[in-house]
C-alpha atoms as a PDB file:
ATOM      1  CA  UNK A   1      80.313  97.265  21.866  1.00  0.00           C
ATOM      2  CA  UNK A   2      77.679  95.358  23.787  1.00  0.00           C
ATOM      3  CA  UNK A   3      79.952  92.349  24.230  1.00  0.00           C
ATOM      4  CA  UNK A   4      82.639  94.654  25.672  1.00  0.00           C
ATOM      5  CA  UNK A   5      80.174  95.985  28.227  1.00  0.00           C
ATOM      6  CA  UNK A   6      79.050  92.475  29.008  1.00  0.00           C
ATOM      7  CA  UNK A   7      82.639  91.496  29.907  1.00  0.00           C
ATOM      8  CA  UNK A   8      83.551  94.806  31.532  1.00  0.00           C
ATOM      9  CA  UNK A   9      81.185  94.401  34.455  1.00  0.00           C
ATOM     10  CA  UNK A  10      82.384  90.886  35.500  1.00  0.00           C
ATOM     11  CA  UNK A  11      85.981  92.016  35.034  1.00  0.00           C
ATOM     12  CA  UNK A  12      85.346  94.971  37.309  1.00  0.00           C
ATOM     13  CA  UNK A  13      83.737  92.712  39.921  1.00  0.00           C
ATOM     14  CA  UNK A  14      86.644  90.257  39.780  1.00  0.00           C
ATOM     15  CA  UNK A  15      89.212  93.049  40.062  1.00  0.00           C
ATOM     16  CA  UNK A  16      87.360  94.491  43.067  1.00  0.00           C
ATOM     17  CA  UNK A  17      87.178  91.087  44.736  1.00  0.00           C
ATOM     18  CA  UNK A  18      90.884  90.593  44.097  1.00  0.00           C
ATOM     19  CA  UNK A  19      91.728  93.884  45.751  1.00  0.00           C
ATOM     20  CA  UNK A  20      89.526  93.117  48.742  1.00  0.00           C
ATOM     21  CA  UNK A  21      90.414  89.438  49.143  1.00  0.00           C
ATOM     22  CA  UNK A  22      94.161  90.046  49.098  1.00  0.00           C
ATOM     23  CA  UNK A  23      94.256  92.033  52.344  1.00  0.00           C
ATOM     24  CA  UNK A  24      91.634  89.772  53.948  1.00  0.00           C
ATOM     25  CA  UNK A  25      93.857  86.734  53.604  1.00  0.00           C
ATOM     26  CA  UNK A  26      96.565  88.430  55.688  1.00  0.00           C
ATOM     27  CA  UNK A  27      94.224  90.117  58.163  1.00  0.00           C
ATOM     28  CA  UNK A  28      94.054  86.894  60.122  1.00  0.00           C
ATOM     29  CA  UNK A  29      97.799  87.106  60.731  1.00  0.00           C
ATOM     30  CA  UNK A  30      97.624  90.811  61.554  1.00  0.00           C
ATOM     31  CA  UNK A  31      95.131  90.133  64.326  1.00  0.00           C
ATOM     32  CA  UNK A  32      97.050  87.253  65.908  1.00  0.00           C
ATOM     33  CA  UNK A  33      98.536  89.413  68.670  1.00  0.00           C
ATOM     34  CA  UNK A  34      95.159  90.958  69.461  1.00  0.00           C
ATOM     35  CA  UNK A  35      93.408  87.589  69.570  1.00  0.00           C
ATOM     36  CA  UNK A  36      96.229  86.143  71.668  1.00  0.00           C
ATOM     37  CA  UNK A  37      96.095  88.989  74.181  1.00  0.00           C
ATOM     38  CA  UNK A  38      92.284  88.862  74.371  1.00  0.00           C
ATOM     39  CA  UNK A  39      92.145  85.131  75.090  1.00  0.00           C
ATOM     40  CA  UNK A  40      94.921  85.325  77.669  1.00  0.00           C
ATOM     41  CA  UNK A  41      93.270  88.390  79.234  1.00  0.00           C
ATOM     42  CA  UNK A  42      90.029  86.458  79.703  1.00  0.00           C
ATOM     43  CA  UNK A  43      91.978  83.521  81.160  1.00  0.00           C
ATOM     44  CA  UNK A  44      93.877  85.812  83.525  1.00  0.00           C
ATOM     45  CA  UNK A  45      90.658  87.440  84.706  1.00  0.00           C
ATOM     46  CA  UNK A  46      89.050  84.071  85.448  1.00  0.00           C
ATOM     47  CA  UNK A  47      92.137  82.928  87.348  1.00  0.00           C
ATOM     48  CA  UNK A  48      92.658  86.160  89.283  1.00  0.00           C
ATOM     49  CA  UNK A  49      88.988  86.794  90.106  1.00  0.00           C
ATOM     50  CA  UNK A  50      87.781  83.278  90.913  1.00  0.00           C
ATOM     51  CA  UNK A  51      90.914  81.498  92.177  1.00  0.00           C
ATOM     52  CA  UNK A  52      93.762  83.765  93.279  1.00  0.00           C
ATOM     53  CA  UNK A  53      91.760  86.523  95.007  1.00  0.00           C
ATOM     54  CA  UNK A  54      89.556  84.124  97.034  1.00  0.00           C
ATOM     55  CA  UNK A  55      92.647  82.146  97.996  1.00  0.00           C
ATOM     56  CA  UNK A  56      94.466  85.248  99.217  1.00  0.00           C
ATOM     57  CA  UNK A  57      91.333  86.282 101.135  1.00  0.00           C
ATOM     58  CA  UNK A  58      91.343  82.911 102.928  1.00  0.00           C
ATOM     59  CA  UNK A  59      88.058  81.789 101.374  1.00  0.00           C
ATOM     60  CA  UNK A  60      89.464  78.380 100.421  1.00  0.00           C
ATOM     61  CA  UNK A  61      90.739  77.698 103.936  1.00  0.00           C
ATOM     62  CA  UNK A  62      89.313  74.727 105.796  1.00  0.00           C
ATOM     63  CA  UNK A  63      86.315  75.785 107.880  1.00  0.00           C
ATOM     64  CA  UNK A  64      85.584  79.026 106.004  1.00  0.00           C
ATOM     65  CA  UNK A  65      81.948  79.722 105.214  1.00  0.00           C
ATOM     66  CA  UNK A  66      80.980  78.785 101.646  1.00  0.00           C
ATOM     67  CA  UNK A  67      84.300  77.008 101.051  1.00  0.00           C
ATOM     68  CA  UNK A  68      82.860  74.143  98.988  1.00  0.00           C
ATOM     69  CA  UNK A  69      80.964  76.475  96.679  1.00  0.00           C
ATOM     70  CA  UNK A  70      84.031  78.639  96.185  1.00  0.00           C
ATOM     71  CA  UNK A  71      86.168  75.590  95.409  1.00  0.00           C
ATOM     72  CA  UNK A  72      83.634  74.477  92.790  1.00  0.00           C
ATOM     73  CA  UNK A  73      83.456  77.971  91.266  1.00  0.00           C
ATOM     74  CA  UNK A  74      87.245  78.218  91.324  1.00  0.00           C
ATOM     75  CA  UNK A  75      87.530  74.865  89.563  1.00  0.00           C
ATOM     76  CA  UNK A  76      85.012  75.857  86.895  1.00  0.00           C
ATOM     77  CA  UNK A  77      86.749  79.194  86.368  1.00  0.00           C
ATOM     78  CA  UNK A  78      90.096  77.427  86.089  1.00  0.00           C
ATOM     79  CA  UNK A  79      88.634  75.033  83.524  1.00  0.00           C
ATOM     80  CA  UNK A  80      87.358  78.021  81.541  1.00  0.00           C
ATOM     81  CA  UNK A  81      90.758  79.718  81.860  1.00  0.00           C
ATOM     82  CA  UNK A  82      92.487  76.554  80.635  1.00  0.00           C
ATOM     83  CA  UNK A  83      90.238  76.564  77.579  1.00  0.00           C
ATOM     84  CA  UNK A  84      91.150  80.192  76.849  1.00  0.00           C
ATOM     85  CA  UNK A  85      94.857  79.419  77.281  1.00  0.00           C
ATOM     86  CA  UNK A  86      94.491  76.533  74.814  1.00  0.00           C
ATOM     87  CA  UNK A  87      92.903  78.889  72.283  1.00  0.00           C
ATOM     88  CA  UNK A  88      95.694  81.434  72.832  1.00  0.00           C
ATOM     89  CA  UNK A  89      98.261  78.661  72.417  1.00  0.00           C
ATOM     90  CA  UNK A  90      96.713  77.638  69.091  1.00  0.00           C
ATOM     91  CA  UNK A  91      96.845  81.253  67.922  1.00  0.00           C
ATOM     92  CA  UNK A  92     100.490  81.550  68.969  1.00  0.00           C
ATOM     93  CA  UNK A  93     101.440  78.175  67.494  1.00  0.00           C
ATOM     94  CA  UNK A  94      99.903  79.004  64.125  1.00  0.00           C
ATOM     95  CA  UNK A  95     101.269  82.524  63.962  1.00  0.00           C
ATOM     96  CA  UNK A  96     104.378  83.658  62.126  1.00  0.00           C
ATOM     97  CA  UNK A  97     104.880  86.486  64.632  1.00  0.00           C
ATOM     98  CA  UNK A  98     108.215  86.058  66.497  1.00  0.00           C
ATOM     99  CA  UNK A  99     106.776  87.273  69.817  1.00  0.00           C
ATOM    100  CA  UNK A 100     103.909  84.798  69.727  1.00  0.00           C
ATOM    101  CA  UNK A 101     106.247  81.977  68.766  1.00  0.00           C
ATOM    102  CA  UNK A 102     108.436  82.841  71.748  1.00  0.00           C
ATOM    103  CA  UNK A 103     105.431  82.975  74.102  1.00  0.00           C
ATOM    104  CA  UNK A 104     104.075  79.705  72.696  1.00  0.00           C
ATOM    105  CA  UNK A 105     106.808  77.805  74.539  1.00  0.00           C
ATOM    106  CA  UNK A 106     105.925  79.531  77.827  1.00  0.00           C
ATOM    107  CA  UNK A 107     102.253  78.605  77.429  1.00  0.00           C
ATOM    108  CA  UNK A 108     103.166  74.947  77.904  1.00  0.00           C
ATOM    109  CA  UNK A 109     104.399  75.807  81.410  1.00  0.00           C
ATOM    110  CA  UNK A 110     101.221  77.792  82.058  1.00  0.00           C
ATOM    111  CA  UNK A 111      99.026  74.879  80.959  1.00  0.00           C
ATOM    112  CA  UNK A 112     100.979  72.460  83.186  1.00  0.00           C
ATOM    113  CA  UNK A 113     100.577  74.791  86.159  1.00  0.00           C
ATOM    114  CA  UNK A 114      96.834  75.090  85.516  1.00  0.00           C
ATOM    115  CA  UNK A 115      96.582  71.315  85.423  1.00  0.00           C
ATOM    116  CA  UNK A 116      98.298  70.969  88.804  1.00  0.00           C
ATOM    117  CA  UNK A 117      96.092  73.611  90.430  1.00  0.00           C
ATOM    118  CA  UNK A 118      93.013  72.066  88.840  1.00  0.00           C
ATOM    119  CA  UNK A 119      93.913  68.631  90.189  1.00  0.00           C
ATOM    120  CA  UNK A 120      94.347  70.016  93.699  1.00  0.00           C
ATOM    121  CA  UNK A 121      91.037  71.901  93.473  1.00  0.00           C
ATOM    122  CA  UNK A 122      89.354  68.722  92.286  1.00  0.00           C
ATOM    123  CA  UNK A 123      90.686  66.990  95.377  1.00  0.00           C
ATOM    124  CA  UNK A 124      89.157  69.670  97.604  1.00  0.00           C
ATOM    125  CA  UNK A 125      92.473  71.202  98.617  1.00  0.00           C
ATOM    126  CA  UNK A 126      94.548  73.955  97.125  1.00  0.00           C
ATOM    127  CA  UNK A 127      98.293  73.498  97.124  1.00  0.00           C
ATOM    128  CA  UNK A 128      99.863  76.884  97.821  1.00  0.00           C
ATOM    129  CA  UNK A 129     103.053  76.019  95.912  1.00  0.00           C
ATOM    130  CA  UNK A 130     101.102  75.040  92.789  1.00  0.00           C
ATOM    131  CA  UNK A 131      99.032  78.211  93.012  1.00  0.00           C
ATOM    132  CA  UNK A 132     102.177  80.302  93.385  1.00  0.00           C
ATOM    133  CA  UNK A 133     103.674  78.512  90.379  1.00  0.00           C
ATOM    134  CA  UNK A 134     100.594  79.342  88.305  1.00  0.00           C
ATOM    135  CA  UNK A 135     100.701  82.965  89.410  1.00  0.00           C
ATOM    136  CA  UNK A 136     104.412  83.114  88.491  1.00  0.00           C
ATOM    137  CA  UNK A 137     103.699  81.593  85.068  1.00  0.00           C
ATOM    138  CA  UNK A 138     100.998  84.191  84.338  1.00  0.00           C
ATOM    139  CA  UNK A 139     103.285  86.984  85.517  1.00  0.00           C
ATOM    140  CA  UNK A 140     106.175  85.691  83.397  1.00  0.00           C
ATOM    141  CA  UNK A 141     104.122  85.557  80.191  1.00  0.00           C
ATOM    142  CA  UNK A 142     102.549  88.924  80.950  1.00  0.00           C
ATOM    143  CA  UNK A 143     105.951  90.519  81.531  1.00  0.00           C
ATOM    144  CA  UNK A 144     107.442  89.048  78.358  1.00  0.00           C
ATOM    145  CA  UNK A 145     104.477  90.229  76.294  1.00  0.00           C
ATOM    146  CA  UNK A 146     104.529  93.707  77.838  1.00  0.00           C
ATOM    147  CA  UNK A 147     108.276  94.027  77.230  1.00  0.00           C
ATOM    148  CA  UNK A 148     107.623  93.297  73.555  1.00  0.00           C
ATOM    149  CA  UNK A 149     104.904  95.956  73.382  1.00  0.00           C
ATOM    150  CA  UNK A 150     101.865  93.652  73.686  1.00  0.00           C
ATOM    151  CA  UNK A 151     100.559  93.986  77.252  1.00  0.00           C
ATOM    152  CA  UNK A 152      98.057  91.429  78.504  1.00  0.00           C
ATOM    153  CA  UNK A 153      95.409  92.807  80.817  1.00  0.00           C
ATOM    154  CA  UNK A 154      92.599  91.070  82.641  1.00  0.00           C
ATOM    155  CA  UNK A 155      89.499  91.077  80.448  1.00  0.00           C
ATOM    156  CA  UNK A 156      86.271  90.692  82.399  1.00  0.00           C
ATOM    157  CA  UNK A 157      84.119  88.102  80.671  1.00  0.00           C
ATOM    158  CA  UNK A 158      81.056  86.291  81.985  1.00  0.00           C
ATOM    159  CA  UNK A 159      81.674  82.637  82.712  1.00  0.00           C
ATOM    160  CA  UNK A 160      78.572  80.485  82.183  1.00  0.00           C
ATOM    161  CA  UNK A 161      77.274  79.265  85.530  1.00  0.00           C
ATOM    162  CA  UNK A 162      79.300  81.627  87.715  1.00  0.00           C
END
């Protein structure tokens, strides 16, 4: 009887771990859409708040007060946004979710647009066509995600140094 008790406890622990570990292995996949939307939301916020809004307000225009500082902050925010888009792209690329696989292809366009805007910011100028292309790419991905029931909203997140 004592040997049965001695084996009963480890068997119970193993059975419990098996029941818990099974769902945990798939929870990563279940959260792919949430992680994807969160990373893109942070990227969108950085782009909209630090690049698009100042541009529309004329704060990047030649001769505007504080232009150089805003260009630097916009560049840093765009670099941060590019990092978040890369993370979202890795989530989408590794996911088995059909929506994320579809959006994965569109993220390549978004990353290219960010690169063009970043290069123009680095040069001290902001190309309006490149900025419009980046805004269109964010809108396109956001619309496709929302149509599939996974809206992407701006997520305010502190950016180190800004």
